[in-house]
Amino acid sequence: MIFLIPCTIQSNPYYNTLLDRVTQEIKSDRGIRLRTNRSIQVEGAFGGGGLKDDYLYHRIQRRGKENVWKELLVVAMGFNLRKLHARLHNGRMHKRFLDKDPKTA
């Protein structure tokens, strides 16, 4: 014998307002520019000029899922630390991609 439990589906008004806001931001001119830029640059870290060429990382040296995961984690941390160092060194720590420079604005 199967007992069916009555279910109700509810809509969260707060979620709906957030969804509307995000949809507007994505469809705005700024959102379109950000998505366009991301589609251009998303694989740059791994392909030509990223980990393989600049950092001479061509092959995973470990075997087993857990060890491969650990190695990739260490490589990613090193990559991010190098990016952080470059941003600190060049004075770009708190600037985002499309933010305007206050001196020229």
N, C-alpha and C. Protein backbone atom coordinates (compact mmCIF):
# COMPACT_ATOMS: atom_id res chain seq x y z
N MET A 1 0.85 -1.17 0.00
CA MET A 1 0.00 0.00 0.00
C MET A 1 0.89 1.24 0.00
N ILE A 2 0.64 2.16 -0.90
CA ILE A 2 1.42 3.39 -1.03
C ILE A 2 0.59 4.54 -0.46
N PHE A 3 1.23 5.29 0.44
CA PHE A 3 0.57 6.46 1.02
C PHE A 3 1.08 7.71 0.31
N LEU A 4 0.22 8.49 -0.22
CA LEU A 4 0.59 9.73 -0.89
C LEU A 4 0.46 10.88 0.09
N ILE A 5 1.50 11.64 0.18
CA ILE A 5 1.50 12.81 1.05
C ILE A 5 1.19 14.02 0.18
N PRO A 6 0.17 14.78 0.55
CA PRO A 6 -0.15 15.96 -0.26
C PRO A 6 0.99 16.99 -0.19
N CYS A 7 1.37 17.50 -1.33
CA CYS A 7 2.45 18.49 -1.41
C CYS A 7 1.90 19.79 -1.97
N THR A 8 2.50 20.87 -1.53
CA THR A 8 2.15 22.18 -2.09
C THR A 8 3.42 22.84 -2.59
N ILE A 9 3.31 23.55 -3.66
CA ILE A 9 4.42 24.30 -4.22
C ILE A 9 4.17 25.76 -3.94
N GLN A 10 5.16 26.39 -3.34
CA GLN A 10 5.03 27.80 -3.01
C GLN A 10 6.09 28.61 -3.74
N SER A 11 5.77 29.85 -3.99
CA SER A 11 6.71 30.76 -4.63
C SER A 11 7.22 31.74 -3.58
N ASN A 12 8.51 31.95 -3.56
CA ASN A 12 9.11 32.87 -2.61
C ASN A 12 9.20 34.26 -3.26
N PRO A 13 8.49 35.25 -2.74
CA PRO A 13 8.50 36.57 -3.37
C PRO A 13 9.89 37.22 -3.35
N TYR A 14 10.66 36.99 -2.29
CA TYR A 14 12.00 37.57 -2.21
C TYR A 14 12.88 36.98 -3.32
N TYR A 15 12.80 35.68 -3.52
CA TYR A 15 13.56 35.03 -4.58
C TYR A 15 13.16 35.60 -5.94
N ASN A 16 11.88 35.79 -6.14
CA ASN A 16 11.41 36.33 -7.42
C ASN A 16 11.94 37.74 -7.67
N THR A 17 12.01 38.59 -6.63
CA THR A 17 12.56 39.94 -6.82
C THR A 17 14.05 39.87 -7.13
N LEU A 18 14.77 38.97 -6.45
CA LEU A 18 16.20 38.81 -6.75
C LEU A 18 16.41 38.31 -8.17
N LEU A 19 15.58 37.37 -8.59
CA LEU A 19 15.68 36.83 -9.94
C LEU A 19 15.42 37.91 -10.98
N ASP A 20 14.43 38.76 -10.73
CA ASP A 20 14.15 39.86 -11.65
C ASP A 20 15.32 40.84 -11.71
N ARG A 21 15.90 41.14 -10.56
CA ARG A 21 17.03 42.07 -10.52
C ARG A 21 18.24 41.52 -11.28
N VAL A 22 18.53 40.25 -11.07
CA VAL A 22 19.66 39.63 -11.75
C VAL A 22 19.42 39.59 -13.26
N THR A 23 18.20 39.28 -13.66
CA THR A 23 17.87 39.25 -15.08
C THR A 23 18.07 40.62 -15.71
N GLN A 24 17.65 41.68 -15.02
CA GLN A 24 17.85 43.04 -15.54
C GLN A 24 19.33 43.37 -15.65
N GLU A 25 20.12 42.97 -14.64
CA GLU A 25 21.56 43.25 -14.68
C GLU A 25 22.24 42.50 -15.81
N ILE A 26 21.84 41.26 -16.04
CA ILE A 26 22.45 40.48 -17.11
C ILE A 26 22.12 41.07 -18.48
N LYS A 27 20.92 41.58 -18.64
CA LYS A 27 20.50 42.13 -19.93
C LYS A 27 20.93 43.58 -20.14
N SER A 28 21.50 44.21 -19.11
CA SER A 28 21.95 45.59 -19.26
C SER A 28 23.20 45.65 -20.14
N ASP A 29 23.57 46.87 -20.56
CA ASP A 29 24.78 47.03 -21.39
C ASP A 29 26.02 46.55 -20.66
N ARG A 30 26.13 46.86 -19.38
CA ARG A 30 27.29 46.44 -18.59
C ARG A 30 27.33 44.91 -18.49
N GLY A 31 26.18 44.28 -18.25
CA GLY A 31 26.12 42.82 -18.16
C GLY A 31 26.53 42.15 -19.46
N ILE A 32 26.11 42.74 -20.56
CA ILE A 32 26.48 42.18 -21.87
C ILE A 32 27.99 42.31 -22.09
N ARG A 33 28.56 43.45 -21.72
CA ARG A 33 30.02 43.62 -21.86
C ARG A 33 30.78 42.63 -20.98
N LEU A 34 30.31 42.43 -19.74
CA LEU A 34 30.99 41.49 -18.85
C LEU A 34 30.90 40.06 -19.39
N ARG A 35 29.74 39.66 -19.89
CA ARG A 35 29.60 38.31 -20.44
C ARG A 35 30.45 38.14 -21.69
N THR A 36 30.51 39.16 -22.52
CA THR A 36 31.34 39.09 -23.72
C THR A 36 32.81 38.92 -23.35
N ASN A 37 33.26 39.70 -22.38
CA ASN A 37 34.65 39.61 -21.95
C ASN A 37 34.94 38.24 -21.35
N ARG A 38 34.02 37.74 -20.55
CA ARG A 38 34.24 36.43 -19.93
C ARG A 38 34.32 35.34 -20.98
N SER A 39 33.49 35.40 -21.99
CA SER A 39 33.53 34.37 -23.02
C SER A 39 34.84 34.41 -23.79
N ILE A 40 35.48 35.55 -23.83
CA ILE A 40 36.76 35.67 -24.53
C ILE A 40 37.89 35.13 -23.66
N GLN A 41 37.87 35.38 -22.36
CA GLN A 41 39.02 35.11 -21.51
C GLN A 41 38.93 33.86 -20.64
N VAL A 42 37.86 33.13 -20.68
CA VAL A 42 37.66 32.08 -19.68
C VAL A 42 38.73 31.00 -19.68
N GLU A 43 39.25 30.60 -20.83
CA GLU A 43 40.24 29.53 -20.87
C GLU A 43 41.67 30.03 -20.97
N GLY A 44 41.89 31.31 -20.84
CA GLY A 44 43.23 31.85 -21.00
C GLY A 44 44.24 31.35 -19.98
N ALA A 45 43.78 30.99 -18.81
CA ALA A 45 44.72 30.55 -17.77
C ALA A 45 45.33 29.19 -18.09
N PHE A 46 44.59 28.34 -18.78
CA PHE A 46 45.07 26.98 -18.99
C PHE A 46 45.67 26.75 -20.37
N GLY A 47 45.20 27.46 -21.37
CA GLY A 47 45.65 27.21 -22.73
C GLY A 47 46.97 27.88 -23.03
N GLY A 48 47.06 28.44 -24.23
CA GLY A 48 48.29 29.09 -24.65
C GLY A 48 48.56 30.34 -23.85
N GLY A 49 49.62 30.34 -23.07
CA GLY A 49 50.00 31.52 -22.33
C GLY A 49 49.68 31.46 -20.85
N GLY A 50 49.08 30.41 -20.38
CA GLY A 50 48.74 30.33 -18.97
C GLY A 50 49.64 29.36 -18.25
N LEU A 51 49.03 28.36 -17.67
CA LEU A 51 49.79 27.38 -16.90
C LEU A 51 50.77 26.60 -17.77
N LYS A 52 50.38 26.28 -18.99
CA LYS A 52 51.22 25.43 -19.81
C LYS A 52 52.49 26.14 -20.29
N ASP A 53 52.34 27.34 -20.81
CA ASP A 53 53.50 28.01 -21.40
C ASP A 53 54.26 28.85 -20.38
N ASP A 54 53.55 29.70 -19.65
CA ASP A 54 54.24 30.62 -18.74
C ASP A 54 54.79 29.93 -17.51
N TYR A 55 54.07 28.96 -16.97
CA TYR A 55 54.48 28.33 -15.72
C TYR A 55 55.06 26.94 -15.91
N LEU A 56 55.19 26.51 -17.17
CA LEU A 56 55.80 25.23 -17.51
C LEU A 56 55.13 24.05 -16.80
N TYR A 57 53.81 24.11 -16.70
CA TYR A 57 53.06 23.01 -16.10
C TYR A 57 52.32 22.30 -17.23
N HIS A 58 52.81 21.12 -17.61
CA HIS A 58 52.27 20.43 -18.77
C HIS A 58 51.55 19.14 -18.42
N ARG A 59 51.89 18.52 -17.31
CA ARG A 59 51.34 17.19 -17.05
C ARG A 59 51.15 16.99 -15.55
N ILE A 60 50.07 16.32 -15.19
CA ILE A 60 49.84 15.97 -13.79
C ILE A 60 50.77 14.83 -13.42
N GLN A 61 51.46 14.95 -12.31
CA GLN A 61 52.47 13.97 -11.92
C GLN A 61 51.92 12.88 -11.00
N ARG A 62 50.75 13.07 -10.42
CA ARG A 62 50.21 12.14 -9.43
C ARG A 62 49.22 11.16 -10.08
N ARG A 63 48.94 10.09 -9.35
CA ARG A 63 47.95 9.10 -9.77
C ARG A 63 46.88 8.97 -8.69
N GLY A 64 45.68 8.68 -9.11
CA GLY A 64 44.57 8.55 -8.18
C GLY A 64 43.82 9.86 -8.08
N LYS A 65 42.50 9.77 -7.94
CA LYS A 65 41.68 10.98 -7.93
C LYS A 65 42.07 11.94 -6.81
N GLU A 66 42.28 11.41 -5.62
CA GLU A 66 42.59 12.27 -4.48
C GLU A 66 43.93 12.99 -4.67
N ASN A 67 44.93 12.28 -5.15
CA ASN A 67 46.24 12.90 -5.35
C ASN A 67 46.23 13.89 -6.50
N VAL A 68 45.47 13.59 -7.57
CA VAL A 68 45.34 14.53 -8.68
C VAL A 68 44.65 15.80 -8.19
N TRP A 69 43.59 15.63 -7.41
CA TRP A 69 42.87 16.78 -6.86
C TRP A 69 43.80 17.66 -6.02
N LYS A 70 44.62 17.03 -5.18
CA LYS A 70 45.56 17.78 -4.33
C LYS A 70 46.58 18.54 -5.18
N GLU A 71 47.08 17.89 -6.21
CA GLU A 71 48.07 18.54 -7.07
C GLU A 71 47.45 19.75 -7.79
N LEU A 72 46.25 19.56 -8.33
CA LEU A 72 45.58 20.67 -9.01
C LEU A 72 45.27 21.81 -8.04
N LEU A 73 44.94 21.47 -6.80
CA LEU A 73 44.68 22.50 -5.79
C LEU A 73 45.94 23.31 -5.51
N VAL A 74 47.07 22.64 -5.39
CA VAL A 74 48.33 23.35 -5.14
C VAL A 74 48.70 24.22 -6.34
N VAL A 75 48.51 23.70 -7.55
CA VAL A 75 48.81 24.48 -8.75
C VAL A 75 47.91 25.71 -8.82
N ALA A 76 46.62 25.53 -8.53
CA ALA A 76 45.68 26.66 -8.55
C ALA A 76 46.04 27.70 -7.50
N MET A 77 46.44 27.25 -6.32
CA MET A 77 46.85 28.20 -5.28
C MET A 77 48.08 28.98 -5.73
N GLY A 78 49.04 28.31 -6.33
CA GLY A 78 50.22 28.99 -6.82
C GLY A 78 49.88 30.00 -7.91
N PHE A 79 48.99 29.61 -8.81
CA PHE A 79 48.56 30.51 -9.88
C PHE A 79 47.89 31.75 -9.31
N ASN A 80 46.99 31.55 -8.33
CA ASN A 80 46.30 32.68 -7.72
C ASN A 80 47.24 33.57 -6.90
N LEU A 81 48.21 32.96 -6.24
CA LEU A 81 49.19 33.77 -5.50
C LEU A 81 50.03 34.63 -6.44
N ARG A 82 50.39 34.08 -7.59
CA ARG A 82 51.14 34.88 -8.57
C ARG A 82 50.30 36.04 -9.09
N LYS A 83 49.00 35.78 -9.34
CA LYS A 83 48.11 36.85 -9.77
C LYS A 83 47.98 37.91 -8.69
N LEU A 84 47.83 37.48 -7.44
CA LEU A 84 47.72 38.43 -6.32
C LEU A 84 48.98 39.27 -6.20
N HIS A 85 50.12 38.63 -6.31
CA HIS A 85 51.39 39.36 -6.23
C HIS A 85 51.49 40.41 -7.34
N ALA A 86 51.09 40.03 -8.56
CA ALA A 86 51.15 40.97 -9.68
C ALA A 86 50.22 42.14 -9.44
N ARG A 87 49.02 41.88 -8.92
CA ARG A 87 48.08 42.97 -8.65
C ARG A 87 48.60 43.90 -7.57
N LEU A 88 49.18 43.34 -6.51
CA LEU A 88 49.74 44.17 -5.44
C LEU A 88 50.90 45.00 -5.97
N HIS A 89 51.75 44.38 -6.78
CA HIS A 89 52.93 45.05 -7.30
C HIS A 89 52.56 46.18 -8.26
N ASN A 90 51.50 46.00 -9.05
CA ASN A 90 51.10 46.99 -10.04
C ASN A 90 50.07 47.99 -9.53
N GLY A 91 49.68 47.89 -8.26
CA GLY A 91 48.72 48.82 -7.68
C GLY A 91 47.31 48.64 -8.20
N ARG A 92 46.92 47.42 -8.57
CA ARG A 92 45.58 47.17 -9.11
C ARG A 92 44.74 46.32 -8.16
N MET A 93 45.03 46.39 -6.86
CA MET A 93 44.40 45.47 -5.94
C MET A 93 42.89 45.64 -5.85
N HIS A 94 42.39 46.85 -5.81
CA HIS A 94 40.96 47.06 -5.59
C HIS A 94 40.25 47.56 -6.85
N LYS A 95 40.78 47.25 -8.02
CA LYS A 95 40.15 47.67 -9.27
C LYS A 95 39.55 46.45 -9.95
N ARG A 96 38.38 46.65 -10.53
CA ARG A 96 37.72 45.59 -11.28
C ARG A 96 37.89 45.87 -12.76
N PHE A 97 37.43 44.93 -13.58
CA PHE A 97 37.69 45.01 -15.02
C PHE A 97 37.11 46.27 -15.65
N LEU A 98 35.84 46.57 -15.42
CA LEU A 98 35.20 47.69 -16.09
C LEU A 98 35.14 48.96 -15.25
N ASP A 99 35.75 48.97 -14.06
CA ASP A 99 35.74 50.18 -13.25
C ASP A 99 36.59 51.25 -13.91
N LYS A 100 36.07 52.49 -13.86
CA LYS A 100 36.81 53.60 -14.46
C LYS A 100 37.81 54.15 -13.46
N ASP A 101 38.90 54.65 -13.98
CA ASP A 101 39.92 55.26 -13.15
C ASP A 101 39.40 56.63 -12.70
N PRO A 102 39.37 56.92 -11.37
CA PRO A 102 38.83 58.20 -10.91
C PRO A 102 39.61 59.40 -11.43
N LYS A 103 40.87 59.22 -11.79
CA LYS A 103 41.68 60.33 -12.29
C LYS A 103 41.22 60.77 -13.69
N THR A 104 40.77 59.79 -14.50
CA THR A 104 40.37 60.11 -15.87
C THR A 104 38.87 60.29 -16.03
N ALA A 105 38.09 59.92 -15.02
CA ALA A 105 36.63 59.99 -15.13
C ALA A 105 36.11 61.39 -14.99
